[in-house]
Amino acid sequence: MPDIPTATLPSGTSVPALGLGTWNMGEDSRKANIEIDSLKRGLDLGMTLIDTAEMYAEGGAERIVAEAIIGRRDETFLVSKVYPWNASRKGVIDACERSLARLGTDRLDLYLLHWRGEYPLAETVAGFEELRRAGKIAAWGVSNFDLSDMEELMAVPEGRNCAANQVLYNLSRRGIEYDLLPWCQERGIPVMAYSPIEQGRLARSVELIHIAKAYQATPAQVALAFLLERDGVIAIPKSANPERVAQNAEAAELEISEEDWAALDAAFPPPERKRPLEMI
């Protein structure tokens, strides 16, 4: 079994740095069994962090996750996200209860604000903190927050309890390396990288294909290895194919040479200036 690297939350909790995404799962009942099997395969391989959201198939993905973690809840680090329009103090609490019911559990390990909306951050944080005190969530965080958003969050009461920021980050989307990523790293706030293979597009990259061949690896594995090389970054690739999940896990075993890291930087240059946070 691959040795999955870990990242550490501000609480000291250690979590897999390579987890399982669920975006687009739960949308077609005919695919439910293979989606459940894919998540189970990931758990078997040590990718025990599962990321989902009430947005994904309007709760359908959470129901898929519920099936995958039957009898395995305690080994799973479970992440879900709340819609911004549900992010009032009471709305957060009610939305969390609905997610818990769909997931068939009494608690979340991490609960994220999916993106910023109209509710003041202080109100959302107050709801998160109430859930934390009640034992409904172990920690809370945010998603799609740029540096200015994070700085604003730090200024609200208990905002410094933020445990993670989930953003779009991969070889072709490196904007956060200019300021947001180092800021989070300095404060011990993990960055969760969604769409780490750019929804499959990076797997077709000529440069990645060339480098991957030298390691008898897939381009997707090299793309994941790029993220796993970075401190405090958690990659959450989504796959509804158990064999591809196994391939993703093997990315943790790749040892890329300095020469090839330089080649990747040449093909996918790091940012030289501030860029607006990208989202998909």
C-alpha atoms as a PDB file:
ATOM      1  CA  MET A   1       0.000   0.000   0.000  1.00  0.00           C
ATOM      2  CA  PRO A   2       1.378   3.464  -0.860  1.00  0.00           C
ATOM      3  CA  ASP A   3       2.687   5.558   2.016  1.00  0.00           C
ATOM      4  CA  ILE A   4       0.290   8.515   1.862  1.00  0.00           C
ATOM      5  CA  PRO A   5       1.916  11.729   3.141  1.00  0.00           C
ATOM      6  CA  THR A   6       0.121  13.838   5.715  1.00  0.00           C
ATOM      7  CA  ALA A   7      -0.699  17.460   6.446  1.00  0.00           C
ATOM      8  CA  THR A   8      -1.318  18.930   9.882  1.00  0.00           C
ATOM      9  CA  LEU A   9      -4.281  21.064  10.886  1.00  0.00           C
ATOM     10  CA  PRO A  10      -3.807  23.966  13.324  1.00  0.00           C
ATOM     11  CA  SER A  11      -5.210  21.694  16.065  1.00  0.00           C
ATOM     12  CA  GLY A  12      -2.344  19.267  15.522  1.00  0.00           C
ATOM     13  CA  THR A  13      -4.594  16.709  13.844  1.00  0.00           C
ATOM     14  CA  SER A  14      -2.773  14.832  11.081  1.00  0.00           C
ATOM     15  CA  VAL A  15      -4.744  14.129   7.892  1.00  0.00           C
ATOM     16  CA  PRO A  16      -3.873  12.502   4.542  1.00  0.00           C
ATOM     17  CA  ALA A  17      -2.408  14.991   2.069  1.00  0.00           C
ATOM     18  CA  LEU A  18      -4.016  12.928  -0.693  1.00  0.00           C
ATOM     19  CA  GLY A  19      -7.744  12.495  -0.287  1.00  0.00           C
ATOM     20  CA  LEU A  20     -10.889  11.844  -2.283  1.00  0.00           C
ATOM     21  CA  GLY A  21     -13.103  14.399  -4.006  1.00  0.00           C
ATOM     22  CA  THR A  22     -16.786  13.824  -4.780  1.00  0.00           C
ATOM     23  CA  TRP A  23     -17.716  16.674  -7.131  1.00  0.00           C
ATOM     24  CA  ASN A  24     -20.217  15.343  -9.744  1.00  0.00           C
ATOM     25  CA  MET A  25     -20.924  12.185  -7.739  1.00  0.00           C
ATOM     26  CA  GLY A  26     -24.497  11.313  -6.835  1.00  0.00           C
ATOM     27  CA  GLU A  27     -25.977  12.764 -10.015  1.00  0.00           C
ATOM     28  CA  ASP A  28     -26.864   9.475 -11.732  1.00  0.00           C
ATOM     29  CA  SER A  29     -28.242   6.544  -9.728  1.00  0.00           C
ATOM     30  CA  ARG A  30     -26.874   4.128 -12.348  1.00  0.00           C
ATOM     31  CA  LYS A  31     -23.344   5.172 -11.377  1.00  0.00           C
ATOM     32  CA  ALA A  32     -23.875   4.988  -7.621  1.00  0.00           C
ATOM     33  CA  ASN A  33     -22.309   1.562  -7.102  1.00  0.00           C
ATOM     34  CA  ILE A  34     -19.094   2.374  -8.962  1.00  0.00           C
ATOM     35  CA  GLU A  35     -18.841   5.724  -7.159  1.00  0.00           C
ATOM     36  CA  ILE A  36     -19.235   3.998  -3.791  1.00  0.00           C
ATOM     37  CA  ASP A  37     -16.675   1.348  -4.776  1.00  0.00           C
ATOM     38  CA  SER A  38     -14.213   4.053  -5.831  1.00  0.00           C
ATOM     39  CA  LEU A  39     -14.443   5.771  -2.462  1.00  0.00           C
ATOM     40  CA  LYS A  40     -14.059   2.453  -0.651  1.00  0.00           C
ATOM     41  CA  ARG A  41     -10.977   1.680  -2.717  1.00  0.00           C
ATOM     42  CA  GLY A  42      -9.486   5.004  -1.731  1.00  0.00           C
ATOM     43  CA  LEU A  43     -10.147   4.314   1.949  1.00  0.00           C
ATOM     44  CA  ASP A  44      -8.490   0.908   1.570  1.00  0.00           C
ATOM     45  CA  LEU A  45      -5.398   2.642   0.177  1.00  0.00           C
ATOM     46  CA  GLY A  46      -5.115   5.164   3.003  1.00  0.00           C
ATOM     47  CA  MET A  47      -6.786   8.106   1.236  1.00  0.00           C
ATOM     48  CA  THR A  48      -9.083   8.472   4.213  1.00  0.00           C
ATOM     49  CA  LEU A  49      -9.974  12.146   3.763  1.00  0.00           C
ATOM     50  CA  ILE A  50     -13.247  12.516   1.833  1.00  0.00           C
ATOM     51  CA  ASP A  51     -14.381  15.950   0.660  1.00  0.00           C
ATOM     52  CA  THR A  52     -17.995  16.619  -0.259  1.00  0.00           C
ATOM     53  CA  ALA A  53     -20.572  19.436  -0.120  1.00  0.00           C
ATOM     54  CA  GLU A  54     -24.289  20.051   0.104  1.00  0.00           C
ATOM     55  CA  MET A  55     -23.960  21.609  -3.368  1.00  0.00           C
ATOM     56  CA  TYR A  56     -22.771  18.415  -5.047  1.00  0.00           C
ATOM     57  CA  ALA A  57     -25.856  16.903  -6.677  1.00  0.00           C
ATOM     58  CA  GLU A  58     -27.870  18.845  -4.069  1.00  0.00           C
ATOM     59  CA  GLY A  59     -26.870  16.402  -1.353  1.00  0.00           C
ATOM     60  CA  GLY A  60     -26.563  13.392  -3.649  1.00  0.00           C
ATOM     61  CA  ALA A  61     -22.799  13.179  -3.212  1.00  0.00           C
ATOM     62  CA  GLU A  62     -23.191  13.184   0.567  1.00  0.00           C
ATOM     63  CA  ARG A  63     -25.519  10.190   0.259  1.00  0.00           C
ATOM     64  CA  ILE A  64     -22.896   8.371  -1.844  1.00  0.00           C
ATOM     65  CA  VAL A  65     -20.307   9.082   0.845  1.00  0.00           C
ATOM     66  CA  ALA A  66     -22.685   7.772   3.513  1.00  0.00           C
ATOM     67  CA  GLU A  67     -22.807   4.411   1.748  1.00  0.00           C
ATOM     68  CA  ALA A  68     -19.032   4.291   1.297  1.00  0.00           C
ATOM     69  CA  ILE A  69     -18.234   4.899   4.974  1.00  0.00           C
ATOM     70  CA  ILE A  70     -20.675   2.450   6.545  1.00  0.00           C
ATOM     71  CA  GLY A  71     -18.721   0.728   9.298  1.00  0.00           C
ATOM     72  CA  ARG A  72     -15.711   2.965   8.575  1.00  0.00           C
ATOM     73  CA  ARG A  73     -16.713   6.356   9.937  1.00  0.00           C
ATOM     74  CA  ASP A  74     -13.996   6.438  12.591  1.00  0.00           C
ATOM     75  CA  GLU A  75     -11.208   5.919  10.046  1.00  0.00           C
ATOM     76  CA  THR A  76     -12.566   8.630   7.739  1.00  0.00           C
ATOM     77  CA  PHE A  77     -11.762  12.343   7.949  1.00  0.00           C
ATOM     78  CA  LEU A  78     -15.022  13.783   6.659  1.00  0.00           C
ATOM     79  CA  VAL A  79     -15.246  17.243   5.065  1.00  0.00           C
ATOM     80  CA  SER A  80     -18.388  18.959   3.808  1.00  0.00           C
ATOM     81  CA  LYS A  81     -19.287  22.491   2.759  1.00  0.00           C
ATOM     82  CA  VAL A  82     -22.180  24.887   3.265  1.00  0.00           C
ATOM     83  CA  TYR A  83     -23.739  27.054   0.553  1.00  0.00           C
ATOM     84  CA  PRO A  84     -23.067  30.781   1.125  1.00  0.00           C
ATOM     85  CA  TRP A  85     -26.808  31.518   1.145  1.00  0.00           C
ATOM     86  CA  ASN A  86     -27.156  29.086   4.071  1.00  0.00           C
ATOM     87  CA  ALA A  87     -24.329  30.767   5.965  1.00  0.00           C
ATOM     88  CA  SER A  88     -26.214  32.858   8.503  1.00  0.00           C
ATOM     89  CA  ARG A  89     -25.595  31.806  12.109  1.00  0.00           C
ATOM     90  CA  LYS A  90     -28.793  29.723  12.256  1.00  0.00           C
ATOM     91  CA  GLY A  91     -28.558  28.739   8.590  1.00  0.00           C
ATOM     92  CA  VAL A  92     -25.125  27.172   9.065  1.00  0.00           C
ATOM     93  CA  ILE A  93     -26.422  25.089  11.964  1.00  0.00           C
ATOM     94  CA  ASP A  94     -29.493  23.933  10.053  1.00  0.00           C
ATOM     95  CA  ALA A  95     -27.484  23.126   6.918  1.00  0.00           C
ATOM     96  CA  CYS A  96     -24.982  21.135   8.947  1.00  0.00           C
ATOM     97  CA  GLU A  97     -27.777  19.069  10.493  1.00  0.00           C
ATOM     98  CA  ARG A  98     -29.088  18.268   7.015  1.00  0.00           C
ATOM     99  CA  SER A  99     -25.615  17.258   5.825  1.00  0.00           C
ATOM    100  CA  LEU A 100     -25.122  15.056   8.888  1.00  0.00           C
ATOM    101  CA  ALA A 101     -28.435  13.324   8.184  1.00  0.00           C
ATOM    102  CA  ARG A 102     -27.495  12.662   4.550  1.00  0.00           C
ATOM    103  CA  LEU A 103     -24.031  11.445   5.589  1.00  0.00           C
ATOM    104  CA  GLY A 104     -25.448   9.160   8.271  1.00  0.00           C
ATOM    105  CA  THR A 105     -23.125  10.509  10.956  1.00  0.00           C
ATOM    106  CA  ASP A 106     -23.280  12.625  14.095  1.00  0.00           C
ATOM    107  CA  ARG A 107     -20.266  14.795  13.293  1.00  0.00           C
ATOM    108  CA  LEU A 108     -18.075  16.337  10.602  1.00  0.00           C
ATOM    109  CA  ASP A 109     -14.317  16.544  10.977  1.00  0.00           C
ATOM    110  CA  LEU A 110     -14.162  19.754   8.944  1.00  0.00           C
ATOM    111  CA  TYR A 111     -16.961  22.044   7.741  1.00  0.00           C
ATOM    112  CA  LEU A 112     -16.234  24.731   5.139  1.00  0.00           C
ATOM    113  CA  LEU A 113     -17.974  27.851   3.840  1.00  0.00           C
ATOM    114  CA  HIS A 114     -18.096  26.997   0.117  1.00  0.00           C
ATOM    115  CA  TRP A 115     -17.505  30.581  -1.034  1.00  0.00           C
ATOM    116  CA  ARG A 116     -18.259  34.056   0.209  1.00  0.00           C
ATOM    117  CA  GLY A 117     -21.809  35.307   0.079  1.00  0.00           C
ATOM    118  CA  GLU A 118     -23.850  38.147   1.551  1.00  0.00           C
ATOM    119  CA  TYR A 119     -23.763  37.092   5.194  1.00  0.00           C
ATOM    120  CA  PRO A 120     -21.098  38.796   7.322  1.00  0.00           C
ATOM    121  CA  LEU A 121     -18.157  36.529   8.096  1.00  0.00           C
ATOM    122  CA  ALA A 122     -18.666  37.140  11.813  1.00  0.00           C
ATOM    123  CA  GLU A 123     -22.148  35.632  11.587  1.00  0.00           C
ATOM    124  CA  THR A 124     -20.943  32.547   9.728  1.00  0.00           C
ATOM    125  CA  VAL A 125     -18.060  32.048  12.137  1.00  0.00           C
ATOM    126  CA  ALA A 126     -20.451  32.333  15.087  1.00  0.00           C
ATOM    127  CA  GLY A 127     -22.509  29.508  13.592  1.00  0.00           C
ATOM    128  CA  PHE A 128     -19.413  27.385  13.010  1.00  0.00           C
ATOM    129  CA  GLU A 129     -18.241  27.962  16.584  1.00  0.00           C
ATOM    130  CA  GLU A 130     -21.645  26.983  17.961  1.00  0.00           C
ATOM    131  CA  LEU A 131     -21.485  23.751  15.969  1.00  0.00           C
ATOM    132  CA  ARG A 132     -17.960  23.109  17.238  1.00  0.00           C
ATOM    133  CA  ARG A 133     -18.948  23.605  20.866  1.00  0.00           C
ATOM    134  CA  ALA A 134     -21.879  21.237  20.348  1.00  0.00           C
ATOM    135  CA  GLY A 135     -19.554  18.543  18.956  1.00  0.00           C
ATOM    136  CA  LYS A 136     -21.273  18.570  15.554  1.00  0.00           C
ATOM    137  CA  ILE A 137     -18.021  19.588  13.849  1.00  0.00           C
ATOM    138  CA  ALA A 138     -14.431  19.180  15.003  1.00  0.00           C
ATOM    139  CA  ALA A 139     -13.125  22.139  12.991  1.00  0.00           C
ATOM    140  CA  TRP A 140     -14.235  24.654  10.395  1.00  0.00           C
ATOM    141  CA  GLY A 141     -12.664  26.445   7.464  1.00  0.00           C
ATOM    142  CA  VAL A 142     -13.353  28.232   4.210  1.00  0.00           C
ATOM    143  CA  SER A 143     -13.187  27.683   0.467  1.00  0.00           C
ATOM    144  CA  ASN A 144     -12.374  30.005  -2.429  1.00  0.00           C
ATOM    145  CA  PHE A 145     -10.935  32.676  -0.110  1.00  0.00           C
ATOM    146  CA  ASP A 146      -8.181  34.905  -1.495  1.00  0.00           C
ATOM    147  CA  LEU A 147      -5.590  36.572   0.712  1.00  0.00           C
ATOM    148  CA  SER A 148      -7.704  39.671   1.372  1.00  0.00           C
ATOM    149  CA  ASP A 149     -10.613  37.424   2.391  1.00  0.00           C
ATOM    150  CA  MET A 150      -8.362  35.478   4.773  1.00  0.00           C
ATOM    151  CA  GLU A 151      -7.056  38.686   6.337  1.00  0.00           C
ATOM    152  CA  GLU A 152     -10.621  39.897   6.833  1.00  0.00           C
ATOM    153  CA  LEU A 153     -11.537  36.543   8.375  1.00  0.00           C
ATOM    154  CA  MET A 154      -8.659  36.753  10.851  1.00  0.00           C
ATOM    155  CA  ALA A 155     -10.061  40.063  12.122  1.00  0.00           C
ATOM    156  CA  VAL A 156     -13.513  38.753  13.118  1.00  0.00           C
ATOM    157  CA  PRO A 157     -14.160  37.221  16.555  1.00  0.00           C
ATOM    158  CA  GLU A 158     -12.789  33.639  16.607  1.00  0.00           C
ATOM    159  CA  GLY A 159     -11.862  33.934  12.918  1.00  0.00           C
ATOM    160  CA  ARG A 160      -8.374  32.702  13.741  1.00  0.00           C
ATOM    161  CA  ASN A 161      -9.879  29.273  14.425  1.00  0.00           C
ATOM    162  CA  CYS A 162     -10.027  28.713  10.647  1.00  0.00           C
ATOM    163  CA  ALA A 163      -8.497  25.294  10.012  1.00  0.00           C
ATOM    164  CA  ALA A 164      -8.238  25.163   6.181  1.00  0.00           C
ATOM    165  CA  ASN A 165      -8.806  27.011   2.913  1.00  0.00           C
ATOM    166  CA  GLN A 166      -9.918  24.985  -0.112  1.00  0.00           C
ATOM    167  CA  VAL A 167      -9.036  26.597  -3.444  1.00  0.00           C
ATOM    168  CA  LEU A 168      -8.410  25.778  -7.081  1.00  0.00           C
ATOM    169  CA  TYR A 169      -4.752  24.803  -7.313  1.00  0.00           C
ATOM    170  CA  ASN A 170      -2.831  22.662  -9.770  1.00  0.00           C
ATOM    171  CA  LEU A 171       0.139  22.853 -12.142  1.00  0.00           C
ATOM    172  CA  SER A 172      -1.754  25.054 -14.584  1.00  0.00           C
ATOM    173  CA  ARG A 173      -3.333  27.232 -11.846  1.00  0.00           C
ATOM    174  CA  ARG A 174      -0.408  28.369  -9.702  1.00  0.00           C
ATOM    175  CA  GLY A 175      -1.542  31.901  -8.865  1.00  0.00           C
ATOM    176  CA  ILE A 176      -1.857  31.203  -5.131  1.00  0.00           C
ATOM    177  CA  GLU A 177       1.887  30.574  -4.919  1.00  0.00           C
ATOM    178  CA  TYR A 178       2.522  34.320  -5.161  1.00  0.00           C
ATOM    179  CA  ASP A 179       0.903  35.270  -1.849  1.00  0.00           C
ATOM    180  CA  LEU A 180      -1.977  33.131  -0.556  1.00  0.00           C
ATOM    181  CA  LEU A 181      -0.122  29.821  -0.257  1.00  0.00           C
ATOM    182  CA  PRO A 182       2.912  31.220   1.623  1.00  0.00           C
ATOM    183  CA  TRP A 183       0.585  33.207   3.894  1.00  0.00           C
ATOM    184  CA  CYS A 184      -1.335  30.036   4.801  1.00  0.00           C
ATOM    185  CA  GLN A 185       1.876  28.024   5.200  1.00  0.00           C
ATOM    186  CA  GLU A 186       3.310  30.603   7.601  1.00  0.00           C
ATOM    187  CA  ARG A 187       0.199  30.282   9.770  1.00  0.00           C
ATOM    188  CA  GLY A 188      -0.122  26.518   9.584  1.00  0.00           C
ATOM    189  CA  ILE A 189      -3.434  26.658   7.717  1.00  0.00           C
ATOM    190  CA  PRO A 190      -3.556  23.814   5.170  1.00  0.00           C
ATOM    191  CA  VAL A 191      -4.583  24.572   1.591  1.00  0.00           C
ATOM    192  CA  MET A 192      -6.906  21.980   0.065  1.00  0.00           C
ATOM    193  CA  ALA A 193      -6.338  21.833  -3.696  1.00  0.00           C
ATOM    194  CA  TYR A 194      -9.497  21.075  -5.655  1.00  0.00           C
ATOM    195  CA  SER A 195      -9.392  20.045  -9.331  1.00  0.00           C
ATOM    196  CA  PRO A 196      -5.740  18.990  -8.895  1.00  0.00           C
ATOM    197  CA  ILE A 197      -5.673  17.454 -12.382  1.00  0.00           C
ATOM    198  CA  GLU A 198      -7.723  20.319 -13.906  1.00  0.00           C
ATOM    199  CA  GLN A 199     -10.708  17.969 -14.361  1.00  0.00           C
ATOM    200  CA  GLY A 200      -8.543  15.627 -16.423  1.00  0.00           C
ATOM    201  CA  ARG A 201      -7.133  18.235 -18.793  1.00  0.00           C
ATOM    202  CA  LEU A 202      -3.632  18.077 -17.312  1.00  0.00           C
ATOM    203  CA  ALA A 203      -3.524  14.370 -18.145  1.00  0.00           C
ATOM    204  CA  ARG A 204      -3.386  15.406 -21.820  1.00  0.00           C
ATOM    205  CA  SER A 205      -0.492  17.824 -21.368  1.00  0.00           C
ATOM    206  CA  VAL A 206       2.374  17.048 -23.755  1.00  0.00           C
ATOM    207  CA  GLU A 207       4.952  18.238 -21.207  1.00  0.00           C
ATOM    208  CA  LEU A 208       3.467  16.074 -18.454  1.00  0.00           C
ATOM    209  CA  ILE A 209       3.218  13.057 -20.742  1.00  0.00           C
ATOM    210  CA  HIS A 210       6.908  13.439 -21.614  1.00  0.00           C
ATOM    211  CA  ILE A 211       8.028  13.642 -17.979  1.00  0.00           C
ATOM    212  CA  ALA A 212       5.666  10.893 -16.818  1.00  0.00           C
ATOM    213  CA  LYS A 213       7.116   8.419 -19.319  1.00  0.00           C
ATOM    214  CA  ALA A 214      10.532   8.691 -17.670  1.00  0.00           C
ATOM    215  CA  TYR A 215       8.993   7.491 -14.403  1.00  0.00           C
ATOM    216  CA  GLN A 216       6.662   4.896 -15.930  1.00  0.00           C
ATOM    217  CA  ALA A 217       3.913   7.024 -14.420  1.00  0.00           C
ATOM    218  CA  THR A 218       0.773   8.708 -15.696  1.00  0.00           C
ATOM    219  CA  PRO A 219       0.569  12.477 -16.282  1.00  0.00           C
ATOM    220  CA  ALA A 220      -2.092  12.626 -13.552  1.00  0.00           C
ATOM    221  CA  GLN A 221       0.320  11.034 -11.083  1.00  0.00           C
ATOM    222  CA  VAL A 222       2.958  13.654 -11.873  1.00  0.00           C
ATOM    223  CA  ALA A 223       0.360  16.431 -11.450  1.00  0.00           C
ATOM    224  CA  LEU A 224      -0.548  15.034  -8.034  1.00  0.00           C
ATOM    225  CA  ALA A 225       3.114  14.593  -7.069  1.00  0.00           C
ATOM    226  CA  PHE A 226       3.591  18.317  -7.764  1.00  0.00           C
ATOM    227  CA  LEU A 227       1.023  19.141  -5.066  1.00  0.00           C
ATOM    228  CA  LEU A 228       2.224  16.502  -2.618  1.00  0.00           C
ATOM    229  CA  GLU A 229       5.699  18.054  -2.773  1.00  0.00           C
ATOM    230  CA  ARG A 230       4.338  21.235  -1.170  1.00  0.00           C
ATOM    231  CA  ASP A 231       4.068  21.661   2.591  1.00  0.00           C
ATOM    232  CA  GLY A 232       0.559  22.033   3.949  1.00  0.00           C
ATOM    233  CA  VAL A 233      -1.206  21.186   0.673  1.00  0.00           C
ATOM    234  CA  ILE A 234      -3.943  18.536   0.522  1.00  0.00           C
ATOM    235  CA  ALA A 235      -4.930  17.272  -2.946  1.00  0.00           C
ATOM    236  CA  ILE A 236      -8.470  15.934  -3.382  1.00  0.00           C
ATOM    237  CA  PRO A 237      -8.754  14.321  -6.825  1.00  0.00           C
ATOM    238  CA  LYS A 238     -12.165  12.958  -7.748  1.00  0.00           C
ATOM    239  CA  SER A 239     -12.509   9.701  -9.630  1.00  0.00           C
ATOM    240  CA  ALA A 240     -15.385   7.286 -10.062  1.00  0.00           C
ATOM    241  CA  ASN A 241     -13.009   4.604 -11.352  1.00  0.00           C
ATOM    242  CA  PRO A 242     -11.499   2.341  -8.651  1.00  0.00           C
ATOM    243  CA  GLU A 243      -8.422   1.597 -10.762  1.00  0.00           C
ATOM    244  CA  ARG A 244      -7.769   5.283 -11.335  1.00  0.00           C
ATOM    245  CA  VAL A 245      -8.138   5.881  -7.606  1.00  0.00           C
ATOM    246  CA  ALA A 246      -5.407   3.269  -7.092  1.00  0.00           C
ATOM    247  CA  GLN A 247      -3.245   5.068  -9.670  1.00  0.00           C
ATOM    248  CA  ASN A 248      -3.800   8.347  -7.841  1.00  0.00           C
ATOM    249  CA  ALA A 249      -2.634   6.753  -4.584  1.00  0.00           C
ATOM    250  CA  GLU A 250       0.580   5.636  -6.279  1.00  0.00           C
ATOM    251  CA  ALA A 251       1.436   9.287  -6.946  1.00  0.00           C
ATOM    252  CA  ALA A 252       2.621   9.385  -3.336  1.00  0.00           C
ATOM    253  CA  GLU A 253       5.497   7.065  -4.307  1.00  0.00           C
ATOM    254  CA  LEU A 254       6.875   9.249  -7.109  1.00  0.00           C
ATOM    255  CA  GLU A 255      10.311  10.814  -6.588  1.00  0.00           C
ATOM    256  CA  ILE A 256      10.701  13.539  -9.200  1.00  0.00           C
ATOM    257  CA  SER A 257      14.235  14.766  -9.984  1.00  0.00           C
ATOM    258  CA  GLU A 258      15.295  18.397  -9.558  1.00  0.00           C
ATOM    259  CA  GLU A 259      15.831  18.529 -13.322  1.00  0.00           C
ATOM    260  CA  ASP A 260      12.265  17.480 -13.987  1.00  0.00           C
ATOM    261  CA  TRP A 261      10.879  19.896 -11.366  1.00  0.00           C
ATOM    262  CA  ALA A 262      12.705  22.613 -13.294  1.00  0.00           C
ATOM    263  CA  ALA A 263      11.181  21.329 -16.535  1.00  0.00           C
ATOM    264  CA  LEU A 264       7.718  21.515 -14.962  1.00  0.00           C
ATOM    265  CA  ASP A 265       8.382  25.090 -13.828  1.00  0.00           C
ATOM    266  CA  ALA A 266       9.390  25.962 -17.376  1.00  0.00           C
ATOM    267  CA  ALA A 267       6.248  24.384 -18.821  1.00  0.00           C
ATOM    268  CA  PHE A 268       3.948  25.738 -16.087  1.00  0.00           C
ATOM    269  CA  PRO A 269       5.637  28.907 -14.794  1.00  0.00           C
ATOM    270  CA  PRO A 270       4.992  30.026 -11.217  1.00  0.00           C
ATOM    271  CA  PRO A 271       3.403  33.483 -10.887  1.00  0.00           C
ATOM    272  CA  GLU A 272       5.566  36.598 -10.966  1.00  0.00           C
ATOM    273  CA  ARG A 273       2.790  38.923  -9.804  1.00  0.00           C
ATOM    274  CA  LYS A 274      -0.490  38.886  -7.913  1.00  0.00           C
ATOM    275  CA  ARG A 275      -3.340  37.208  -9.777  1.00  0.00           C
ATOM    276  CA  PRO A 276      -7.027  37.151  -8.863  1.00  0.00           C
ATOM    277  CA  LEU A 277      -8.023  33.893  -7.204  1.00  0.00           C
ATOM    278  CA  GLU A 278      -9.286  31.475  -9.844  1.00  0.00           C
ATOM    279  CA  MET A 279     -12.451  29.413  -9.388  1.00  0.00           C
ATOM    280  CA  ILE A 280     -14.345  26.809 -11.388  1.00  0.00           C
END
